[in-house]
Amino acid sequence: MAEFEPRAICVRDISADDFIKAYAEHLKNSDKFELPVWADTVKTSVAKELAPYGEDWYYIRAASIARKVYLRPGTGVGGLQKWYGG
C-alpha cells in the first residue's frame, strides 16, 4: 500500500471568503501596503453614489483582485472592470 503523501495547499483549495479575509488582514498588518489618503472618499464604480462604508474595504478589494489575478493569469484591467463594475 502506498504511503499517504500530503500535498501542498494552494489558493484553489481554500474558499474564496476565507482567503480574502486572511490576505486582507495580512495586507493591513504589513508595512509594504499603504492605504491612500483618498480611499475614504472614492467611489468604487460610476453607478455608485457613496464611498464604501467598511474601514477595510480597500484591503479586501486588493486581496480579491490579487486572488483573481493569481487564479487567472493574464487577467487585465478590462476583465477586472467587468467583474467589479464601472
N, C-alpha and C. Protein backbone atom coordinates (compact mmCIF):
# COMPACT_ATOMS: atom_id res chain seq x y z
N MET A 1 0.83 -1.17 0.00
CA MET A 1 0.00 0.00 0.00
C MET A 1 0.88 1.24 0.00
N ALA A 2 0.52 2.21 -0.78
CA ALA A 2 1.30 3.43 -0.87
C ALA A 2 1.06 4.31 0.36
N GLU A 3 2.12 4.96 0.76
CA GLU A 3 2.00 5.86 1.90
C GLU A 3 1.30 7.13 1.48
N PHE A 4 0.63 7.73 2.43
CA PHE A 4 -0.09 8.98 2.17
C PHE A 4 0.91 10.13 2.09
N GLU A 5 0.91 10.82 0.97
CA GLU A 5 1.76 11.99 0.82
C GLU A 5 0.91 13.24 0.89
N PRO A 6 1.12 14.06 1.88
CA PRO A 6 0.34 15.30 1.93
C PRO A 6 0.74 16.21 0.78
N ARG A 7 -0.24 16.77 0.13
CA ARG A 7 0.06 17.68 -0.97
C ARG A 7 -0.02 19.11 -0.47
N ALA A 8 0.58 19.97 -1.20
CA ALA A 8 0.59 21.37 -0.82
C ALA A 8 -0.81 21.98 -0.98
N ILE A 9 -1.11 22.92 -0.15
CA ILE A 9 -2.38 23.62 -0.24
C ILE A 9 -2.16 24.89 -1.04
N CYS A 10 -3.00 25.11 -2.03
CA CYS A 10 -2.86 26.32 -2.84
C CYS A 10 -4.13 27.16 -2.71
N VAL A 11 -4.18 28.24 -3.42
CA VAL A 11 -5.29 29.17 -3.33
C VAL A 11 -6.60 28.51 -3.75
N ARG A 12 -6.54 27.61 -4.71
CA ARG A 12 -7.76 26.94 -5.17
C ARG A 12 -8.38 26.03 -4.10
N ASP A 13 -7.58 25.56 -3.16
CA ASP A 13 -8.07 24.65 -2.13
C ASP A 13 -8.79 25.35 -0.99
N ILE A 14 -8.63 26.65 -0.89
CA ILE A 14 -9.21 27.43 0.20
C ILE A 14 -10.41 28.18 -0.35
N SER A 15 -11.46 28.29 0.45
CA SER A 15 -12.63 29.03 -0.02
C SER A 15 -12.26 30.49 -0.24
N ALA A 16 -12.91 31.12 -1.20
CA ALA A 16 -12.59 32.50 -1.56
C ALA A 16 -12.76 33.44 -0.37
N ASP A 17 -13.82 33.26 0.38
CA ASP A 17 -14.09 34.14 1.51
C ASP A 17 -12.98 34.05 2.56
N ASP A 18 -12.57 32.83 2.90
CA ASP A 18 -11.52 32.66 3.91
C ASP A 18 -10.20 33.24 3.43
N PHE A 19 -9.86 33.00 2.16
CA PHE A 19 -8.59 33.51 1.65
C PHE A 19 -8.59 35.03 1.62
N ILE A 20 -9.67 35.62 1.15
CA ILE A 20 -9.72 37.09 1.03
C ILE A 20 -9.65 37.74 2.40
N LYS A 21 -10.35 37.18 3.39
CA LYS A 21 -10.29 37.74 4.74
C LYS A 21 -8.87 37.66 5.31
N ALA A 22 -8.23 36.51 5.15
CA ALA A 22 -6.89 36.33 5.71
C ALA A 22 -5.86 37.20 4.99
N TYR A 23 -5.96 37.27 3.66
CA TYR A 23 -4.99 38.06 2.92
C TYR A 23 -5.20 39.55 3.13
N ALA A 24 -6.45 39.98 3.28
CA ALA A 24 -6.73 41.38 3.58
C ALA A 24 -6.14 41.76 4.93
N GLU A 25 -6.26 40.87 5.89
CA GLU A 25 -5.67 41.12 7.22
C GLU A 25 -4.14 41.19 7.12
N HIS A 26 -3.57 40.32 6.31
CA HIS A 26 -2.12 40.34 6.10
C HIS A 26 -1.68 41.67 5.47
N LEU A 27 -2.42 42.11 4.46
CA LEU A 27 -2.08 43.39 3.82
C LEU A 27 -2.22 44.55 4.78
N LYS A 28 -3.22 44.49 5.63
CA LYS A 28 -3.44 45.56 6.59
C LYS A 28 -2.30 45.64 7.61
N ASN A 29 -1.78 44.49 8.01
CA ASN A 29 -0.74 44.45 9.03
C ASN A 29 0.67 44.64 8.46
N SER A 30 0.84 44.49 7.16
CA SER A 30 2.18 44.65 6.59
C SER A 30 2.46 46.12 6.30
N ASP A 31 3.72 46.49 6.36
CA ASP A 31 4.07 47.88 6.08
C ASP A 31 4.42 48.09 4.61
N LYS A 32 4.22 47.09 3.78
CA LYS A 32 4.50 47.21 2.35
C LYS A 32 3.31 47.76 1.58
N PHE A 33 2.15 47.77 2.20
CA PHE A 33 0.92 48.16 1.54
C PHE A 33 0.31 49.32 2.33
N GLU A 34 0.30 50.50 1.74
CA GLU A 34 -0.23 51.67 2.43
C GLU A 34 -1.58 52.05 1.87
N LEU A 35 -2.44 52.51 2.73
CA LEU A 35 -3.77 52.97 2.33
C LEU A 35 -3.65 54.39 1.80
N PRO A 36 -4.13 54.66 0.58
CA PRO A 36 -4.06 56.02 0.05
C PRO A 36 -4.94 56.98 0.86
N VAL A 37 -4.60 58.25 0.84
CA VAL A 37 -5.36 59.23 1.60
C VAL A 37 -6.76 59.43 1.02
N TRP A 38 -6.94 59.18 -0.26
CA TRP A 38 -8.22 59.38 -0.92
C TRP A 38 -9.15 58.18 -0.80
N ALA A 39 -8.74 57.13 -0.13
CA ALA A 39 -9.53 55.89 -0.08
C ALA A 39 -10.86 56.05 0.65
N ASP A 40 -10.98 57.04 1.53
CA ASP A 40 -12.24 57.21 2.26
C ASP A 40 -13.28 58.02 1.48
N THR A 41 -12.88 58.65 0.38
CA THR A 41 -13.83 59.47 -0.37
C THR A 41 -14.11 58.95 -1.77
N VAL A 42 -13.38 57.97 -2.24
CA VAL A 42 -13.53 57.49 -3.61
C VAL A 42 -14.71 56.53 -3.73
N LYS A 43 -15.38 56.57 -4.88
CA LYS A 43 -16.43 55.61 -5.17
C LYS A 43 -15.80 54.40 -5.87
N THR A 44 -16.44 53.26 -5.79
CA THR A 44 -15.89 52.06 -6.42
C THR A 44 -16.43 51.84 -7.82
N SER A 45 -17.40 52.64 -8.24
CA SER A 45 -17.99 52.48 -9.56
C SER A 45 -18.69 53.77 -9.95
N VAL A 46 -18.89 53.94 -11.24
CA VAL A 46 -19.61 55.10 -11.72
C VAL A 46 -21.06 55.06 -11.25
N ALA A 47 -21.60 53.87 -11.13
CA ALA A 47 -23.00 53.70 -10.75
C ALA A 47 -23.24 53.90 -9.25
N LYS A 48 -22.21 53.92 -8.46
CA LYS A 48 -22.36 54.08 -7.01
C LYS A 48 -22.47 55.56 -6.66
N GLU A 49 -23.23 55.85 -5.60
CA GLU A 49 -23.38 57.23 -5.16
C GLU A 49 -22.47 57.57 -3.99
N LEU A 50 -22.14 56.58 -3.16
CA LEU A 50 -21.34 56.81 -1.97
C LEU A 50 -20.10 55.94 -1.96
N ALA A 51 -19.17 56.33 -1.13
CA ALA A 51 -17.98 55.50 -0.91
C ALA A 51 -18.36 54.30 -0.04
N PRO A 52 -17.58 53.23 -0.06
CA PRO A 52 -17.88 52.07 0.79
C PRO A 52 -17.84 52.44 2.27
N TYR A 53 -18.69 51.78 3.06
CA TYR A 53 -18.79 52.08 4.48
C TYR A 53 -17.71 51.41 5.32
N GLY A 54 -17.25 50.25 4.92
CA GLY A 54 -16.30 49.50 5.73
C GLY A 54 -14.93 50.17 5.78
N GLU A 55 -14.27 50.06 6.92
CA GLU A 55 -12.94 50.66 7.08
C GLU A 55 -11.89 49.90 6.27
N ASP A 56 -12.07 48.60 6.13
CA ASP A 56 -11.06 47.76 5.48
C ASP A 56 -11.41 47.45 4.03
N TRP A 57 -12.29 48.19 3.43
CA TRP A 57 -12.75 47.84 2.07
C TRP A 57 -11.60 47.85 1.09
N TYR A 58 -10.64 48.72 1.23
CA TYR A 58 -9.54 48.81 0.28
C TYR A 58 -8.67 47.55 0.33
N TYR A 59 -8.41 47.07 1.54
CA TYR A 59 -7.61 45.85 1.70
C TYR A 59 -8.36 44.63 1.18
N ILE A 60 -9.67 44.59 1.41
CA ILE A 60 -10.48 43.48 0.93
C ILE A 60 -10.52 43.46 -0.59
N ARG A 61 -10.67 44.63 -1.20
CA ARG A 61 -10.70 44.70 -2.66
C ARG A 61 -9.34 44.30 -3.24
N ALA A 62 -8.26 44.76 -2.62
CA ALA A 62 -6.92 44.40 -3.10
C ALA A 62 -6.69 42.89 -2.99
N ALA A 63 -7.13 42.28 -1.90
CA ALA A 63 -6.99 40.83 -1.73
C ALA A 63 -7.82 40.08 -2.75
N SER A 64 -9.01 40.57 -3.03
CA SER A 64 -9.86 39.94 -4.03
C SER A 64 -9.25 40.03 -5.42
N ILE A 65 -8.70 41.17 -5.75
CA ILE A 65 -8.05 41.34 -7.05
C ILE A 65 -6.82 40.45 -7.16
N ALA A 66 -6.05 40.37 -6.09
CA ALA A 66 -4.86 39.51 -6.09
C ALA A 66 -5.25 38.04 -6.32
N ARG A 67 -6.34 37.60 -5.70
CA ARG A 67 -6.80 36.22 -5.88
C ARG A 67 -7.24 35.99 -7.33
N LYS A 68 -7.98 36.93 -7.89
CA LYS A 68 -8.45 36.78 -9.27
C LYS A 68 -7.27 36.71 -10.24
N VAL A 69 -6.30 37.57 -10.07
CA VAL A 69 -5.15 37.59 -10.97
C VAL A 69 -4.32 36.32 -10.81
N TYR A 70 -4.21 35.81 -9.58
CA TYR A 70 -3.46 34.58 -9.35
C TYR A 70 -4.14 33.38 -10.01
N LEU A 71 -5.46 33.31 -9.89
CA LEU A 71 -6.19 32.17 -10.44
C LEU A 71 -6.30 32.22 -11.95
N ARG A 72 -6.32 33.40 -12.53
CA ARG A 72 -6.43 33.56 -13.99
C ARG A 72 -5.30 34.44 -14.47
N PRO A 73 -4.12 33.90 -14.70
CA PRO A 73 -3.00 34.70 -15.19
C PRO A 73 -3.36 35.35 -16.53
N GLY A 74 -2.90 36.54 -16.71
CA GLY A 74 -3.20 37.27 -17.94
C GLY A 74 -4.45 38.13 -17.82
N THR A 75 -5.07 38.12 -16.66
CA THR A 75 -6.25 38.96 -16.46
C THR A 75 -5.80 40.41 -16.48
N GLY A 76 -6.50 41.21 -17.26
CA GLY A 76 -6.15 42.62 -17.39
C GLY A 76 -7.17 43.52 -16.75
N VAL A 77 -7.02 44.79 -16.99
CA VAL A 77 -7.91 45.79 -16.44
C VAL A 77 -9.33 45.61 -16.96
N GLY A 78 -9.45 45.25 -18.24
CA GLY A 78 -10.78 45.04 -18.82
C GLY A 78 -11.53 43.91 -18.16
N GLY A 79 -10.86 42.82 -17.87
CA GLY A 79 -11.51 41.69 -17.19
C GLY A 79 -11.90 42.04 -15.76
N LEU A 80 -11.04 42.78 -15.08
CA LEU A 80 -11.36 43.20 -13.72
C LEU A 80 -12.50 44.21 -13.72
N GLN A 81 -12.55 45.05 -14.73
CA GLN A 81 -13.62 46.03 -14.84
C GLN A 81 -14.97 45.33 -15.04
N LYS A 82 -14.98 44.26 -15.81
CA LYS A 82 -16.22 43.51 -15.99
C LYS A 82 -16.66 42.86 -14.69
N TRP A 83 -15.72 42.37 -13.92
CA TRP A 83 -16.05 41.68 -12.69
C TRP A 83 -16.49 42.64 -11.59
N TYR A 84 -15.77 43.74 -11.42
CA TYR A 84 -16.04 44.66 -10.32
C TYR A 84 -16.93 45.83 -10.71
N GLY A 85 -17.27 45.95 -11.96
CA GLY A 85 -18.18 47.01 -12.40
C GLY A 85 -17.47 48.30 -12.74
N GLY A 86 -18.21 49.23 -13.27
CA GLY A 86 -17.72 50.57 -13.55
C GLY A 86 -16.75 50.63 -14.63
